[in-house]
PDB file of N, CA and C in Angstrom:
ATOM      1  N   MET A   1      -4.163   2.770   0.164  1.00  0.00           N
ATOM      2  CA  MET A   1      -3.977   2.925  -1.261  1.00  0.00           C
ATOM      3  C   MET A   1      -4.275   1.581  -1.921  1.00  0.00           C
ATOM      4  N   THR A   2      -5.073   1.621  -2.971  1.00  0.00           N
ATOM      5  CA  THR A   2      -5.430   0.386  -3.663  1.00  0.00           C
ATOM      6  C   THR A   2      -4.322  -0.030  -4.626  1.00  0.00           C
ATOM      7  N   PHE A   3      -4.408  -1.275  -5.046  1.00  0.00           N
ATOM      8  CA  PHE A   3      -3.413  -1.779  -6.004  1.00  0.00           C
ATOM      9  C   PHE A   3      -3.477  -0.979  -7.309  1.00  0.00           C
ATOM     10  N   ASP A   4      -4.681  -0.620  -7.761  1.00  0.00           N
ATOM     11  CA  ASP A   4      -4.817   0.181  -8.980  1.00  0.00           C
ATOM     12  C   ASP A   4      -4.153   1.544  -8.822  1.00  0.00           C
ATOM     13  N   GLN A   5      -4.291   2.141  -7.655  1.00  0.00           N
ATOM     14  CA  GLN A   5      -3.649   3.431  -7.403  1.00  0.00           C
ATOM     15  C   GLN A   5      -2.125   3.298  -7.410  1.00  0.00           C
ATOM     16  N   LEU A   6      -1.625   2.207  -6.834  1.00  0.00           N
ATOM     17  CA  LEU A   6      -0.178   1.960  -6.854  1.00  0.00           C
ATOM     18  C   LEU A   6       0.333   1.837  -8.285  1.00  0.00           C
ATOM     19  N   MET A   7      -0.402   1.073  -9.085  1.00  0.00           N
ATOM     20  CA  MET A   7       0.008   0.872 -10.477  1.00  0.00           C
ATOM     21  C   MET A   7      -0.038   2.187 -11.261  1.00  0.00           C
ATOM     22  N   THR A   8      -1.074   2.977 -11.043  1.00  0.00           N
ATOM     23  CA  THR A   8      -1.206   4.263 -11.741  1.00  0.00           C
ATOM     24  C   THR A   8      -0.056   5.191 -11.366  1.00  0.00           C
ATOM     25  N   ARG A   9       0.264   5.242 -10.069  1.00  0.00           N
ATOM     26  CA  ARG A   9       1.366   6.102  -9.629  1.00  0.00           C
ATOM     27  C   ARG A   9       2.683   5.644 -10.222  1.00  0.00           C
ATOM     28  N   ASP A  10       2.934   4.332 -10.197  1.00  0.00           N
ATOM     29  CA  ASP A  10       4.189   3.822 -10.744  1.00  0.00           C
ATOM     30  C   ASP A  10       4.286   4.030 -12.252  1.00  0.00           C
ATOM     31  N   GLN A  11       3.165   3.947 -12.947  1.00  0.00           N
ATOM     32  CA  GLN A  11       3.165   4.225 -14.390  1.00  0.00           C
ATOM     33  C   GLN A  11       3.513   5.687 -14.651  1.00  0.00           C
ATOM     34  N   ARG A  12       2.972   6.585 -13.817  1.00  0.00           N
ATOM     35  CA  ARG A  12       3.282   8.014 -13.982  1.00  0.00           C
ATOM     36  C   ARG A  12       4.754   8.275 -13.692  1.00  0.00           C
ATOM     37  N   ILE A  13       5.290   7.616 -12.676  1.00  0.00           N
ATOM     38  CA  ILE A  13       6.720   7.756 -12.379  1.00  0.00           C
ATOM     39  C   ILE A  13       7.536   7.310 -13.585  1.00  0.00           C
ATOM     40  N   ASP A  14       7.179   6.190 -14.180  1.00  0.00           N
ATOM     41  CA  ASP A  14       7.887   5.692 -15.364  1.00  0.00           C
ATOM     42  C   ASP A  14       7.795   6.662 -16.523  1.00  0.00           C
ATOM     43  N   GLU A  15       6.591   7.230 -16.738  1.00  0.00           N
ATOM     44  CA  GLU A  15       6.408   8.198 -17.830  1.00  0.00           C
ATOM     45  C   GLU A  15       7.322   9.395 -17.641  1.00  0.00           C
ATOM     46  N   LEU A  16       7.311   9.948 -16.445  1.00  0.00           N
ATOM     47  CA  LEU A  16       8.131  11.126 -16.174  1.00  0.00           C
ATOM     48  C   LEU A  16       9.612  10.798 -16.231  1.00  0.00           C
ATOM     49  N   ASP A  17       9.988   9.634 -15.762  1.00  0.00           N
ATOM     50  CA  ASP A  17      11.382   9.227 -15.777  1.00  0.00           C
ATOM     51  C   ASP A  17      11.898   9.076 -17.205  1.00  0.00           C
ATOM     52  N   ARG A  18      11.048   8.555 -18.084  1.00  0.00           N
ATOM     53  CA  ARG A  18      11.456   8.369 -19.488  1.00  0.00           C
ATOM     54  C   ARG A  18      11.701   9.699 -20.202  1.00  0.00           C
ATOM     55  N   LEU A  19      11.090  10.773 -19.707  1.00  0.00           N
ATOM     56  CA  LEU A  19      11.308  12.079 -20.340  1.00  0.00           C
ATOM     57  C   LEU A  19      12.746  12.558 -20.183  1.00  0.00           C
ATOM     58  N   GLY A  20      13.394  12.078 -19.141  1.00  0.00           N
ATOM     59  CA  GLY A  20      14.800  12.421 -18.924  1.00  0.00           C
ATOM     60  C   GLY A  20      15.026  13.909 -18.797  1.00  0.00           C
ATOM     61  N   ARG A  21      15.995  14.413 -19.540  1.00  0.00           N
ATOM     62  CA  ARG A  21      16.387  15.823 -19.444  1.00  0.00           C
ATOM     63  C   ARG A  21      15.356  16.769 -20.042  1.00  0.00           C
ATOM     64  N   SER A  22      14.385  16.249 -20.776  1.00  0.00           N
ATOM     65  CA  SER A  22      13.383  17.118 -21.382  1.00  0.00           C
ATOM     66  C   SER A  22      12.230  17.443 -20.426  1.00  0.00           C
ATOM     67  N   ARG A  23      12.303  16.939 -19.181  1.00  0.00           N
ATOM     68  CA  ARG A  23      11.264  17.256 -18.193  1.00  0.00           C
ATOM     69  C   ARG A  23      11.294  18.727 -17.837  1.00  0.00           C
ATOM     70  N   THR A  24      10.100  19.273 -17.621  1.00  0.00           N
ATOM     71  CA  THR A  24       9.992  20.649 -17.139  1.00  0.00           C
ATOM     72  C   THR A  24      10.224  20.662 -15.631  1.00  0.00           C
ATOM     73  N   ARG A  25      10.352  21.845 -15.065  1.00  0.00           N
ATOM     74  CA  ARG A  25      10.515  21.947 -13.613  1.00  0.00           C
ATOM     75  C   ARG A  25       9.303  21.373 -12.887  1.00  0.00           C
ATOM     76  N   ALA A  26       8.130  21.653 -13.424  1.00  0.00           N
ATOM     77  CA  ALA A  26       6.905  21.133 -12.809  1.00  0.00           C
ATOM     78  C   ALA A  26       6.903  19.602 -12.844  1.00  0.00           C
ATOM     79  N   GLN A  27       7.339  19.036 -13.955  1.00  0.00           N
ATOM     80  CA  GLN A  27       7.403  17.578 -14.065  1.00  0.00           C
ATOM     81  C   GLN A  27       8.468  17.006 -13.137  1.00  0.00           C
ATOM     82  N   ASP A  28       9.585  17.700 -13.014  1.00  0.00           N
ATOM     83  CA  ASP A  28      10.623  17.275 -12.071  1.00  0.00           C
ATOM     84  C   ASP A  28      10.076  17.269 -10.641  1.00  0.00           C
ATOM     85  N   HIS A  29       9.344  18.325 -10.305  1.00  0.00           N
ATOM     86  CA  HIS A  29       8.748  18.426  -8.980  1.00  0.00           C
ATOM     87  C   HIS A  29       7.736  17.295  -8.765  1.00  0.00           C
ATOM     88  N   GLU A  30       6.890  17.053  -9.756  1.00  0.00           N
ATOM     89  CA  GLU A  30       5.908  15.973  -9.669  1.00  0.00           C
ATOM     90  C   GLU A  30       6.598  14.624  -9.493  1.00  0.00           C
ATOM     91  N   LEU A  31       7.644  14.394 -10.276  1.00  0.00           N
ATOM     92  CA  LEU A  31       8.381  13.133 -10.184  1.00  0.00           C
ATOM     93  C   LEU A  31       8.977  12.962  -8.789  1.00  0.00           C
ATOM     94  N   GLY A  32       9.581  14.008  -8.285  1.00  0.00           N
ATOM     95  CA  GLY A  32      10.159  13.941  -6.945  1.00  0.00           C
ATOM     96  C   GLY A  32       9.119  13.641  -5.883  1.00  0.00           C
ATOM     97  N   ALA A  33       7.960  14.287  -5.990  1.00  0.00           N
ATOM     98  CA  ALA A  33       6.889  14.063  -5.018  1.00  0.00           C
ATOM     99  C   ALA A  33       6.350  12.639  -5.111  1.00  0.00           C
ATOM    100  N   LEU A  34       6.189  12.134  -6.319  1.00  0.00           N
ATOM    101  CA  LEU A  34       5.689  10.768  -6.505  1.00  0.00           C
ATOM    102  C   LEU A  34       6.667   9.732  -5.978  1.00  0.00           C
ATOM    103  N   VAL A  35       7.933   9.923  -6.262  1.00  0.00           N
ATOM    104  CA  VAL A  35       8.958   8.988  -5.784  1.00  0.00           C
ATOM    105  C   VAL A  35       9.040   9.033  -4.263  1.00  0.00           C
ATOM    106  N   SER A  36       8.965  10.224  -3.692  1.00  0.00           N
ATOM    107  CA  SER A  36       9.005  10.357  -2.240  1.00  0.00           C
ATOM    108  C   SER A  36       7.810   9.664  -1.600  1.00  0.00           C
ATOM    109  N   ALA A  37       6.622   9.849  -2.161  1.00  0.00           N
ATOM    110  CA  ALA A  37       5.418   9.207  -1.635  1.00  0.00           C
ATOM    111  C   ALA A  37       5.514   7.695  -1.755  1.00  0.00           C
ATOM    112  N   ARG A  38       6.039   7.222  -2.877  1.00  0.00           N
ATOM    113  CA  ARG A  38       6.200   5.775  -3.068  1.00  0.00           C
ATOM    114  C   ARG A  38       7.162   5.197  -2.031  1.00  0.00           C
ATOM    115  N   ASP A  39       8.292   5.863  -1.842  1.00  0.00           N
ATOM    116  CA  ASP A  39       9.285   5.383  -0.890  1.00  0.00           C
ATOM    117  C   ASP A  39       8.728   5.374   0.532  1.00  0.00           C
ATOM    118  N   GLN A  40       7.995   6.423   0.875  1.00  0.00           N
ATOM    119  CA  GLN A  40       7.401   6.504   2.202  1.00  0.00           C
ATOM    120  C   GLN A  40       6.379   5.380   2.412  1.00  0.00           C
ATOM    121  N   TYR A  41       5.579   5.094   1.395  1.00  0.00           N
ATOM    122  CA  TYR A  41       4.595   4.020   1.463  1.00  0.00           C
ATOM    123  C   TYR A  41       5.280   2.684   1.742  1.00  0.00           C
ATOM    124  N   TRP A  42       6.341   2.395   0.997  1.00  0.00           N
ATOM    125  CA  TRP A  42       7.027   1.111   1.158  1.00  0.00           C
ATOM    126  C   TRP A  42       7.768   1.019   2.483  1.00  0.00           C
ATOM    127  N   ARG A  43       8.224   2.150   3.025  1.00  0.00           N
ATOM    128  CA  ARG A  43       8.868   2.127   4.341  1.00  0.00           C
ATOM    129  C   ARG A  43       7.855   1.826   5.444  1.00  0.00           C
ATOM    130  N   ARG A  44       6.627   2.313   5.275  1.00  0.00           N
ATOM    131  CA  ARG A  44       5.597   2.109   6.293  1.00  0.00           C
ATOM    132  C   ARG A  44       4.897   0.759   6.181  1.00  0.00           C
ATOM    133  N   LEU A  45       4.982   0.128   5.047  1.00  0.00           N
ATOM    134  CA  LEU A  45       4.240  -1.103   4.807  1.00  0.00           C
ATOM    135  C   LEU A  45       4.548  -2.222   5.808  1.00  0.00           C
ATOM    136  N   PRO A  46       5.805  -2.497   6.146  1.00  0.00           N
ATOM    137  CA  PRO A  46       6.062  -3.587   7.094  1.00  0.00           C
ATOM    138  C   PRO A  46       5.355  -3.387   8.441  1.00  0.00           C
ATOM    139  N   ARG A  47       5.346  -2.157   8.952  1.00  0.00           N
ATOM    140  CA  ARG A  47       4.662  -1.894  10.216  1.00  0.00           C
ATOM    141  C   ARG A  47       3.156  -2.062  10.082  1.00  0.00           C
ATOM    142  N   ALA A  48       2.613  -1.640   8.948  1.00  0.00           N
ATOM    143  CA  ALA A  48       1.179  -1.790   8.720  1.00  0.00           C
ATOM    144  C   ALA A  48       0.796  -3.269   8.635  1.00  0.00           C
ATOM    145  N   LEU A  49       1.615  -4.047   7.962  1.00  0.00           N
ATOM    146  CA  LEU A  49       1.356  -5.487   7.872  1.00  0.00           C
ATOM    147  C   LEU A  49       1.446  -6.147   9.243  1.00  0.00           C
ATOM    148  N   GLU A  50       2.429  -5.770  10.013  1.00  0.00           N
ATOM    149  CA  GLU A  50       2.585  -6.317  11.356  1.00  0.00           C
ATOM    150  C   GLU A  50       1.364  -5.985  12.215  1.00  0.00           C
ATOM    151  N   ALA A  51       0.893  -4.771  12.126  1.00  0.00           N
ATOM    152  CA  ALA A  51      -0.289  -4.363  12.900  1.00  0.00           C
ATOM    153  C   ALA A  51      -1.526  -5.135  12.449  1.00  0.00           C
ATOM    154  N   ALA A  52      -1.682  -5.329  11.148  1.00  0.00           N
ATOM    155  CA  ALA A  52      -2.830  -6.074  10.631  1.00  0.00           C
ATOM    156  C   ALA A  52      -2.775  -7.532  11.071  1.00  0.00           C
ATOM    157  N   ARG A  53      -1.596  -8.114  11.051  1.00  0.00           N
ATOM    158  CA  ARG A  53      -1.447  -9.502  11.502  1.00  0.00           C
ATOM    159  C   ARG A  53      -1.756  -9.638  12.989  1.00  0.00           C
ATOM    160  N   ALA A  54      -1.313  -8.662  13.786  1.00  0.00           N
ATOM    161  CA  ALA A  54      -1.582  -8.695  15.226  1.00  0.00           C
ATOM    162  C   ALA A  54      -3.082  -8.579  15.485  1.00  0.00           C
ATOM    163  N   LYS A  55      -3.737  -7.708  14.760  1.00  0.00           N
ATOM    164  CA  LYS A  55      -5.190  -7.548  14.908  1.00  0.00           C
ATOM    165  C   LYS A  55      -5.908  -8.827  14.492  1.00  0.00           C
ATOM    166  N   ALA A  56      -5.486  -9.445  13.400  1.00  0.00           N
ATOM    167  CA  ALA A  56      -6.092 -10.704  12.956  1.00  0.00           C
ATOM    168  C   ALA A  56      -5.908 -11.788  14.010  1.00  0.00           C
ATOM    169  N   ALA A  57      -4.745 -11.843  14.616  1.00  0.00           N
ATOM    170  CA  ALA A  57      -4.491 -12.836  15.664  1.00  0.00           C
ATOM    171  C   ALA A  57      -5.404 -12.610  16.864  1.00  0.00           C
ATOM    172  N   GLN A  58      -5.609 -11.342  17.241  1.00  0.00           N
ATOM    173  CA  GLN A  58      -6.522 -11.025  18.342  1.00  0.00           C
ATOM    174  C   GLN A  58      -7.937 -11.489  18.017  1.00  0.00           C
ATOM    175  N   LEU A  59      -8.377 -11.217  16.799  1.00  0.00           N
ATOM    176  CA  LEU A  59      -9.723 -11.613  16.391  1.00  0.00           C
ATOM    177  C   LEU A  59      -9.871 -13.130  16.353  1.00  0.00           C
ATOM    178  N   GLU A  60      -8.843 -13.822  15.878  1.00  0.00           N
ATOM    179  CA  GLU A  60      -8.883 -15.280  15.863  1.00  0.00           C
ATOM    180  C   GLU A  60      -8.964 -15.842  17.285  1.00  0.00           C
ATOM    181  N   ASN A  61      -8.185 -15.283  18.185  1.00  0.00           N
ATOM    182  CA  ASN A  61      -8.227 -15.732  19.583  1.00  0.00           C
ATOM    183  C   ASN A  61      -9.606 -15.483  20.190  1.00  0.00           C
ATOM    184  N   TYR A  62     -10.164 -14.331  19.925  1.00  0.00           N
ATOM    185  CA  TYR A  62     -11.502 -14.009  20.422  1.00  0.00           C
ATOM    186  C   TYR A  62     -12.518 -15.010  19.884  1.00  0.00           C
ATOM    187  N   ALA A  63     -12.449 -15.273  18.576  1.00  0.00           N
ATOM    188  CA  ALA A  63     -13.383 -16.219  17.956  1.00  0.00           C
ATOM    189  C   ALA A  63     -13.239 -17.606  18.574  1.00  0.00           C
ATOM    190  N   ARG A  64     -12.024 -18.035  18.819  1.00  0.00           N
ATOM    191  CA  ARG A  64     -11.808 -19.358  19.429  1.00  0.00           C
ATOM    192  C   ARG A  64     -12.342 -19.409  20.864  1.00  0.00           C
ATOM    193  N   GLN A  65     -12.094 -18.325  21.619  1.00  0.00           N
ATOM    194  CA  GLN A  65     -12.567 -18.279  23.002  1.00  0.00           C
ATOM    195  C   GLN A  65     -14.091 -18.372  23.077  1.00  0.00           C
ATOM    196  N   HIS A  66     -14.748 -17.807  22.085  1.00  0.00           N
ATOM    197  CA  HIS A  66     -16.214 -17.774  22.069  1.00  0.00           C
ATOM    198  C   HIS A  66     -16.804 -18.818  21.123  1.00  0.00           C
ATOM    199  N   ARG A  67     -15.932 -19.726  20.679  1.00  0.00           N
ATOM    200  CA  ARG A  67     -16.319 -20.821  19.797  1.00  0.00           C
ATOM    201  C   ARG A  67     -17.092 -20.347  18.569  1.00  0.00           C
ATOM    202  N   LEU A  68     -16.585 -19.287  17.985  1.00  0.00           N
ATOM    203  CA  LEU A  68     -17.164 -18.769  16.754  1.00  0.00           C
ATOM    204  C   LEU A  68     -16.473 -19.421  15.559  1.00  0.00           C
ATOM    205  N   SER A  69     -17.209 -19.600  14.505  1.00  0.00           N
ATOM    206  CA  SER A  69     -16.654 -20.227  13.305  1.00  0.00           C
ATOM    207  C   SER A  69     -15.683 -19.279  12.611  1.00  0.00           C
ATOM    208  N   LEU A  70     -14.583 -19.837  12.153  1.00  0.00           N
ATOM    209  CA  LEU A  70     -13.618 -19.046  11.389  1.00  0.00           C
ATOM    210  C   LEU A  70     -13.671 -19.379   9.904  1.00  0.00           C
ATOM    211  N   ASP A  71     -14.697 -20.133   9.484  1.00  0.00           N
ATOM    212  CA  ASP A  71     -14.859 -20.456   8.065  1.00  0.00           C
ATOM    213  C   ASP A  71     -15.201 -19.201   7.283  1.00  0.00           C
ATOM    214  N   GLU A  72     -14.527 -19.021   6.160  1.00  0.00           N
ATOM    215  CA  GLU A  72     -14.791 -17.841   5.335  1.00  0.00           C
ATOM    216  C   GLU A  72     -16.219 -17.828   4.812  1.00  0.00           C
ATOM    217  N   GLY A  73     -16.776 -19.008   4.594  1.00  0.00           N
ATOM    218  CA  GLY A  73     -18.124 -19.091   4.048  1.00  0.00           C
ATOM    219  C   GLY A  73     -19.190 -18.577   4.987  1.00  0.00           C
ATOM    220  N   THR A  74     -18.877 -18.446   6.280  1.00  0.00           N
ATOM    221  CA  THR A  74     -19.877 -17.997   7.250  1.00  0.00           C
ATOM    222  C   THR A  74     -19.824 -16.505   7.495  1.00  0.00           C
ATOM    223  N   ILE A  75     -18.830 -15.852   6.936  1.00  0.00           N
ATOM    224  CA  ILE A  75     -18.690 -14.409   7.138  1.00  0.00           C
ATOM    225  C   ILE A  75     -19.526 -13.686   6.080  1.00  0.00           C
ATOM    226  N   ALA A  76     -20.403 -12.811   6.535  1.00  0.00           N
ATOM    227  CA  ALA A  76     -21.269 -12.088   5.590  1.00  0.00           C
ATOM    228  C   ALA A  76     -20.771 -10.684   5.379  1.00  0.00           C
TER     229      ALA A  76
END
């Protein structure tokens, strides 16, 4: 999920939340689904970050073993 998608979802959650008691059942359902998806995303994020860091460490070790440059300017 991109940062723009996160912001759009959170804005929609805020819009629906501000409606308060005037929300329709469909809007209540949408709000519940959006909040659930947001919560699930944030619960999974630490594991995803850990996996990405582990993969980056593997790639760095590989690059060092093969004396490859780790300069950002050399990556195309």
